[in-house]
Amino acid sequence: MDMKEMQKEVDTYISQFKAGYFSPLANLARLTEEVGELAREINHSHGEKKKKSTEEENTIEAELGDNLFVLICLANSLNIDLNKSFEDTMHKFNVRDKDRFERK
């Protein structure tokens, strides 16, 4: 599934609810929350802070999915095409940062 299809699927899901998309500021708060949950999972898996035996099972993969969903909600609410956004960003990195890191 490409990004356009993902954006359409999220839009179809959100469109079934009367409230629709949350405001951009609310989505940003949700994204910040999800990033924190992702950080917690990475810290448990790859850091020094191991998960307590009483904590629920969770995965980095699940948290990345949650982050992607909220990011798509934010983009959709602002009518941003994430394919174009990504293409623009890759162009920037390939031009601006082409000599920034040592290549293999």
N, C-alpha and C. Protein backbone atom coordinates (compact mmCIF):
# COMPACT_ATOMS: atom_id res chain seq x y z
N MET A 1 0.86 -1.17 0.00
CA MET A 1 0.00 0.00 0.00
C MET A 1 0.90 1.23 0.00
N ASP A 2 0.64 2.15 -0.92
CA ASP A 2 1.46 3.37 -0.93
C ASP A 2 0.81 4.44 -0.04
N MET A 3 1.51 5.53 0.11
CA MET A 3 1.07 6.58 1.05
C MET A 3 -0.29 7.16 0.65
N LYS A 4 -0.52 7.34 -0.64
CA LYS A 4 -1.80 7.87 -1.10
C LYS A 4 -2.94 6.96 -0.65
N GLU A 5 -2.73 5.66 -0.78
CA GLU A 5 -3.74 4.69 -0.35
C GLU A 5 -3.92 4.72 1.17
N MET A 6 -2.80 4.88 1.89
CA MET A 6 -2.90 4.97 3.35
C MET A 6 -3.69 6.20 3.76
N GLN A 7 -3.40 7.33 3.11
CA GLN A 7 -4.13 8.55 3.43
C GLN A 7 -5.62 8.39 3.13
N LYS A 8 -5.95 7.72 2.04
CA LYS A 8 -7.35 7.48 1.68
C LYS A 8 -8.01 6.56 2.70
N GLU A 9 -7.32 5.50 3.12
CA GLU A 9 -7.89 4.56 4.09
C GLU A 9 -8.15 5.24 5.43
N VAL A 10 -7.22 6.06 5.88
CA VAL A 10 -7.42 6.80 7.13
C VAL A 10 -8.60 7.77 6.97
N ASP A 11 -8.68 8.44 5.83
CA ASP A 11 -9.77 9.38 5.60
C ASP A 11 -11.13 8.66 5.61
N THR A 12 -11.19 7.49 4.99
CA THR A 12 -12.42 6.70 5.00
C THR A 12 -12.79 6.32 6.43
N TYR A 13 -11.81 5.93 7.21
CA TYR A 13 -12.07 5.57 8.60
C TYR A 13 -12.58 6.77 9.40
N ILE A 14 -11.87 7.88 9.32
CA ILE A 14 -12.22 9.07 10.10
C ILE A 14 -13.56 9.64 9.66
N SER A 15 -13.86 9.55 8.36
CA SER A 15 -15.10 10.15 7.81
C SER A 15 -16.36 9.49 8.34
N GLN A 16 -16.27 8.32 8.91
CA GLN A 16 -17.47 7.65 9.44
C GLN A 16 -17.92 8.24 10.78
N PHE A 17 -17.09 9.10 11.38
CA PHE A 17 -17.41 9.67 12.68
C PHE A 17 -17.85 11.12 12.54
N LYS A 18 -18.86 11.48 13.29
CA LYS A 18 -19.42 12.83 13.25
C LYS A 18 -18.35 13.89 13.55
N ALA A 19 -17.49 13.61 14.52
CA ALA A 19 -16.47 14.59 14.93
C ALA A 19 -15.43 14.84 13.84
N GLY A 20 -15.18 13.85 12.97
CA GLY A 20 -14.16 14.01 11.93
C GLY A 20 -12.77 14.10 12.52
N TYR A 21 -11.90 14.80 11.81
CA TYR A 21 -10.52 14.95 12.27
C TYR A 21 -10.47 15.89 13.47
N PHE A 22 -9.56 15.57 14.38
CA PHE A 22 -9.27 16.50 15.47
C PHE A 22 -8.56 17.71 14.88
N SER A 23 -8.49 18.79 15.62
CA SER A 23 -7.79 19.98 15.16
C SER A 23 -6.30 19.66 15.01
N PRO A 24 -5.59 20.44 14.19
CA PRO A 24 -4.15 20.21 14.06
C PRO A 24 -3.42 20.24 15.40
N LEU A 25 -3.80 21.14 16.28
CA LEU A 25 -3.14 21.21 17.58
C LEU A 25 -3.41 19.95 18.41
N ALA A 26 -4.64 19.45 18.37
CA ALA A 26 -4.96 18.21 19.09
C ALA A 26 -4.21 17.03 18.49
N ASN A 27 -4.11 16.99 17.16
CA ASN A 27 -3.35 15.91 16.53
C ASN A 27 -1.86 16.00 16.87
N LEU A 28 -1.34 17.20 16.98
CA LEU A 28 0.05 17.36 17.38
C LEU A 28 0.26 16.84 18.80
N ALA A 29 -0.69 17.12 19.68
CA ALA A 29 -0.61 16.61 21.05
C ALA A 29 -0.67 15.08 21.04
N ARG A 30 -1.54 14.52 20.21
CA ARG A 30 -1.64 13.06 20.09
C ARG A 30 -0.34 12.48 19.56
N LEU A 31 0.24 13.15 18.56
CA LEU A 31 1.50 12.66 17.98
C LEU A 31 2.62 12.70 19.02
N THR A 32 2.66 13.76 19.80
CA THR A 32 3.66 13.87 20.86
C THR A 32 3.50 12.74 21.87
N GLU A 33 2.28 12.44 22.22
CA GLU A 33 2.00 11.32 23.13
C GLU A 33 2.48 10.00 22.53
N GLU A 34 2.17 9.79 21.26
CA GLU A 34 2.57 8.54 20.60
C GLU A 34 4.10 8.43 20.47
N VAL A 35 4.77 9.54 20.20
CA VAL A 35 6.23 9.53 20.14
C VAL A 35 6.80 9.13 21.50
N GLY A 36 6.19 9.62 22.57
CA GLY A 36 6.62 9.23 23.92
C GLY A 36 6.45 7.75 24.15
N GLU A 37 5.35 7.17 23.69
CA GLU A 37 5.12 5.74 23.84
C GLU A 37 6.13 4.94 23.01
N LEU A 38 6.47 5.45 21.82
CA LEU A 38 7.50 4.81 21.01
C LEU A 38 8.85 4.86 21.71
N ALA A 39 9.17 6.01 22.28
CA ALA A 39 10.44 6.16 23.01
C ALA A 39 10.51 5.17 24.17
N ARG A 40 9.41 5.01 24.85
CA ARG A 40 9.36 4.08 25.98
C ARG A 40 9.65 2.65 25.52
N GLU A 41 9.03 2.24 24.41
CA GLU A 41 9.25 0.88 23.89
C GLU A 41 10.69 0.69 23.43
N ILE A 42 11.26 1.70 22.79
CA ILE A 42 12.66 1.60 22.35
C ILE A 42 13.57 1.54 23.56
N ASN A 43 13.27 2.32 24.56
CA ASN A 43 14.07 2.30 25.79
C ASN A 43 14.00 0.93 26.46
N HIS A 44 12.82 0.33 26.47
CA HIS A 44 12.68 -1.00 27.06
C HIS A 44 13.45 -2.05 26.25
N SER A 45 13.41 -1.94 24.95
CA SER A 45 14.04 -2.96 24.09
C SER A 45 15.53 -2.75 23.90
N HIS A 46 15.98 -1.49 23.84
CA HIS A 46 17.37 -1.21 23.47
C HIS A 46 18.11 -0.37 24.49
N GLY A 47 17.44 0.01 25.55
CA GLY A 47 18.07 0.87 26.55
C GLY A 47 18.28 0.14 27.86
N GLU A 48 18.63 0.91 28.82
CA GLU A 48 18.93 0.34 30.13
C GLU A 48 17.68 0.11 30.97
N LYS A 49 16.60 0.82 30.66
CA LYS A 49 15.38 0.72 31.47
C LYS A 49 14.51 -0.42 30.95
N LYS A 50 14.55 -1.53 31.62
CA LYS A 50 13.76 -2.69 31.21
C LYS A 50 12.32 -2.56 31.71
N LYS A 51 11.43 -3.24 31.02
CA LYS A 51 10.01 -3.19 31.34
C LYS A 51 9.74 -3.91 32.66
N LYS A 52 8.83 -3.35 33.44
CA LYS A 52 8.39 -3.99 34.68
C LYS A 52 7.53 -5.20 34.34
N SER A 53 7.54 -6.17 35.19
CA SER A 53 6.74 -7.39 34.94
C SER A 53 5.25 -7.09 34.92
N THR A 54 4.84 -5.98 35.53
CA THR A 54 3.42 -5.62 35.59
C THR A 54 2.96 -4.81 34.38
N GLU A 55 3.89 -4.39 33.53
CA GLU A 55 3.53 -3.58 32.36
C GLU A 55 2.99 -4.45 31.23
N GLU A 56 2.05 -3.88 30.48
CA GLU A 56 1.47 -4.59 29.35
C GLU A 56 2.52 -4.82 28.26
N GLU A 57 2.32 -5.91 27.52
CA GLU A 57 3.17 -6.17 26.37
C GLU A 57 2.86 -5.16 25.28
N ASN A 58 3.89 -4.71 24.61
CA ASN A 58 3.73 -3.78 23.51
C ASN A 58 4.94 -3.96 22.62
N THR A 59 4.91 -3.40 21.42
CA THR A 59 6.04 -3.54 20.51
C THR A 59 6.38 -2.20 19.86
N ILE A 60 7.60 -2.10 19.42
CA ILE A 60 8.03 -0.92 18.66
C ILE A 60 7.22 -0.83 17.37
N GLU A 61 6.98 -1.95 16.75
CA GLU A 61 6.20 -1.98 15.51
C GLU A 61 4.80 -1.39 15.73
N ALA A 62 4.15 -1.77 16.82
CA ALA A 62 2.81 -1.24 17.10
C ALA A 62 2.86 0.27 17.33
N GLU A 63 3.87 0.72 18.04
CA GLU A 63 3.97 2.16 18.32
C GLU A 63 4.32 2.94 17.05
N LEU A 64 5.13 2.38 16.17
CA LEU A 64 5.40 3.05 14.89
C LEU A 64 4.11 3.17 14.09
N GLY A 65 3.29 2.13 14.10
CA GLY A 65 2.00 2.17 13.41
C GLY A 65 1.09 3.25 13.98
N ASP A 66 1.06 3.37 15.32
CA ASP A 66 0.25 4.42 15.95
C ASP A 66 0.74 5.80 15.55
N ASN A 67 2.07 5.98 15.51
CA ASN A 67 2.63 7.27 15.11
C ASN A 67 2.28 7.59 13.66
N LEU A 68 2.38 6.58 12.79
CA LEU A 68 2.06 6.80 11.38
C LEU A 68 0.60 7.17 11.21
N PHE A 69 -0.29 6.50 11.93
CA PHE A 69 -1.72 6.80 11.84
C PHE A 69 -1.99 8.26 12.23
N VAL A 70 -1.44 8.69 13.34
CA VAL A 70 -1.70 10.07 13.80
C VAL A 70 -1.05 11.07 12.84
N LEU A 71 0.13 10.76 12.33
CA LEU A 71 0.78 11.65 11.36
C LEU A 71 -0.08 11.78 10.10
N ILE A 72 -0.66 10.68 9.65
CA ILE A 72 -1.54 10.73 8.49
C ILE A 72 -2.80 11.54 8.81
N CYS A 73 -3.35 11.38 10.01
CA CYS A 73 -4.50 12.20 10.41
C CYS A 73 -4.15 13.67 10.36
N LEU A 74 -2.99 14.03 10.87
CA LEU A 74 -2.56 15.43 10.86
C LEU A 74 -2.42 15.93 9.43
N ALA A 75 -1.77 15.16 8.58
CA ALA A 75 -1.60 15.56 7.18
C ALA A 75 -2.95 15.70 6.48
N ASN A 76 -3.82 14.73 6.68
CA ASN A 76 -5.14 14.79 6.04
C ASN A 76 -5.93 16.01 6.50
N SER A 77 -5.85 16.30 7.79
CA SER A 77 -6.62 17.44 8.31
C SER A 77 -6.13 18.76 7.73
N LEU A 78 -4.89 18.78 7.27
CA LEU A 78 -4.31 19.99 6.68
C LEU A 78 -4.22 19.91 5.16
N ASN A 79 -4.82 18.87 4.57
CA ASN A 79 -4.79 18.65 3.11
C ASN A 79 -3.38 18.60 2.56
N ILE A 80 -2.50 17.87 3.25
CA ILE A 80 -1.12 17.71 2.81
C ILE A 80 -0.94 16.33 2.19
N ASP A 81 -0.41 16.31 0.99
CA ASP A 81 -0.10 15.07 0.28
C ASP A 81 1.25 14.57 0.81
N LEU A 82 1.23 13.47 1.55
CA LEU A 82 2.47 12.97 2.15
C LEU A 82 3.44 12.40 1.12
N ASN A 83 2.94 11.96 -0.04
CA ASN A 83 3.86 11.54 -1.10
C ASN A 83 4.71 12.72 -1.54
N LYS A 84 4.07 13.85 -1.79
CA LYS A 84 4.80 15.05 -2.21
C LYS A 84 5.72 15.54 -1.10
N SER A 85 5.22 15.53 0.12
CA SER A 85 6.03 15.96 1.26
C SER A 85 7.30 15.12 1.37
N PHE A 86 7.15 13.80 1.22
CA PHE A 86 8.31 12.91 1.30
C PHE A 86 9.27 13.15 0.13
N GLU A 87 8.72 13.29 -1.07
CA GLU A 87 9.57 13.55 -2.25
C GLU A 87 10.36 14.85 -2.06
N ASP A 88 9.72 15.88 -1.57
CA ASP A 88 10.39 17.16 -1.32
C ASP A 88 11.50 17.01 -0.28
N THR A 89 11.22 16.24 0.76
CA THR A 89 12.22 16.03 1.81
C THR A 89 13.41 15.24 1.27
N MET A 90 13.16 14.19 0.49
CA MET A 90 14.27 13.40 -0.06
C MET A 90 15.11 14.24 -1.03
N HIS A 91 14.45 15.10 -1.79
CA HIS A 91 15.20 16.00 -2.68
C HIS A 91 16.11 16.91 -1.85
N LYS A 92 15.57 17.44 -0.78
CA LYS A 92 16.35 18.31 0.10
C LYS A 92 17.57 17.57 0.64
N PHE A 93 17.38 16.35 1.14
CA PHE A 93 18.51 15.59 1.68
C PHE A 93 19.51 15.23 0.59
N ASN A 94 19.01 14.86 -0.58
CA ASN A 94 19.92 14.47 -1.67
C ASN A 94 20.69 15.64 -2.25
N VAL A 95 20.18 16.86 -2.10
CA VAL A 95 20.87 18.05 -2.60
C VAL A 95 21.66 18.72 -1.48
N ARG A 96 20.99 19.12 -0.44
CA ARG A 96 21.63 19.86 0.65
C ARG A 96 22.66 19.01 1.40
N ASP A 97 22.33 17.77 1.64
CA ASP A 97 23.19 16.93 2.48
C ASP A 97 23.97 15.88 1.70
N LYS A 98 24.09 16.07 0.38
CA LYS A 98 24.72 15.03 -0.44
C LYS A 98 26.15 14.73 -0.03
N ASP A 99 26.86 15.68 0.53
CA ASP A 99 28.25 15.45 0.94
C ASP A 99 28.42 15.49 2.46
N ARG A 100 27.35 15.43 3.19
CA ARG A 100 27.41 15.59 4.63
C ARG A 100 28.00 14.38 5.35
N PHE A 101 27.70 13.18 4.88
CA PHE A 101 28.15 11.96 5.55
C PHE A 101 29.07 11.17 4.63
N GLU A 102 29.99 10.47 5.23
CA GLU A 102 30.92 9.62 4.49
C GLU A 102 30.15 8.46 3.87
N ARG A 103 30.35 8.24 2.61
CA ARG A 103 29.65 7.17 1.90
C ARG A 103 30.43 5.86 1.98
N LYS A 104 29.71 4.78 1.82
CA LYS A 104 30.33 3.43 1.82
C LYS A 104 31.15 3.22 0.57
